Amino acid sequence: MDISDTLLPGEELRLLLSERGNTCISIILPLAKYGPEREQNKRLIDRSIQRAKEWWDQLNPDRSAEWWVSRLLQLKEQLDPIHPPQGIGFFIAENLQQIITFPFIPKEKILIGNSFEVRDLLKKAQYEQPYLLLTLTLQKAQLFQGKFTQLTAFTQTGLSGIFKEAFEYERPSRSTSYAGQAHVKSFEKEKQEIIEDRATHHFKKADEIVRKYHSGTTPLVVVADQKPLAIYRKLCAIKKELLIYVEKDPSHLSPDQLSTYSWPSVNTYFEKKISTQIEQFNEAVGRGQTREGLQACWRAAQEGNCRTMLVDESYHTSGFIIESDPYHLFRKPPTHAHRILTDAVDDLIEIVLEKNGNVLLAETDSLPEGRKIMMITRY
């Protein structure tokens, strides 16, 4: 069972971060989702568990790996062989055994240390930000809750009742029964004009219902053909910056097909948050509220001075610290007794999260001027 089904958003990260300082094993793997390659998934997991055992024996020759291996094998049995995810993570500590699925293809990682590998969970959180999706035609509307490419229909919204009234052709009426053909009380409207009037009336009611389900920061995706989309755009009362329009007739599309057409636009919307944070970084430069580079960001994070940090998702590097001065990160081994950080970037991310800072992962080489880490500080 996917841990996401039982935990609230953010709980996955909170649970794994709570084990920092304890012995932690992280195994993250890409899986084959379709075709005959899917049969190789369990063998791939077995091979990774064996590699983790061999590494454990090298690091801890005096401690048996059997207890850890047995927990990993128990988690492996939770994998659905028929409908596997694109990626999976096994996380084992003395007081925690969790399996977490990923809606993207992660790189293979096997890590043993005093904290879990959390970078893929951050990426998952960015992918799985909730949104609403509204489909509109001249005959009906339907509302969905979206999370990544998964759409769940709201069934008791009342939207279907709005469209029960048929679009009828409105005939002209006479002024009196005595006037014959001499006078006409009202002119006959064009049929298209009547349709647009009725659609506007119905769409306004639909918009009122949608706003009851909409929060102030959740994006709304509207999927409709050209004419309904143009009508709804004129009357929608939700903030324009939260709206995503997809011009496509949704009449005969399944939820899976809807997500195929809508997710690229939703993903682009979420990626704009990186661009927004880069703009805020540039504005904060003049106030002296920015840091760049691993060492400067490390000190600010230790001081609890990080508000938002942008990290190139492919950036991995080692570091060294002296226990008496954890605020200073060495890039080369110091002459004094020191501790080696296999991935200092991941340790930095964990420190920022523990001190209630925000971390966003950027696509490889997408940060400006070749930067790998950019930080906006609190003061």
Foldseek 3Di string as FASTA:
>chain_A
DAVPVVDDPPVVVVVQLVQFQFKKKKWKAFADFDDPSLVCRLVVLVVLLVVLQVVCCVVCVPDHCVVVSVLSVVVSVPADSNGGARMKMWMDTPVDTHIHGANHHDDTDIDIDRGYQCLRVQVRSLQFDKAKEWEDDLQFIWIWIDGRLDTDTDDPLCRNVLRPDDQDQDDWADPDPPCPPPGTPDDGDDSVVSSLVSLLVSLLVVLVSVVVVDDLQHAYEYEAADPSVVSNVVRRPHDPLRYHYFHDHCPPPDSNRVSVRCNVRVSVSSLCVVVVVLVVLVVCVVVVQKDADDFRLLLCLVVLFFAEKEFASPDFAKWKDDPVCSSGIHRDDDPDDIDIGRGSVSVSVSSCVVSVHHYDHDYHQPDPPSTGMMTGTPD
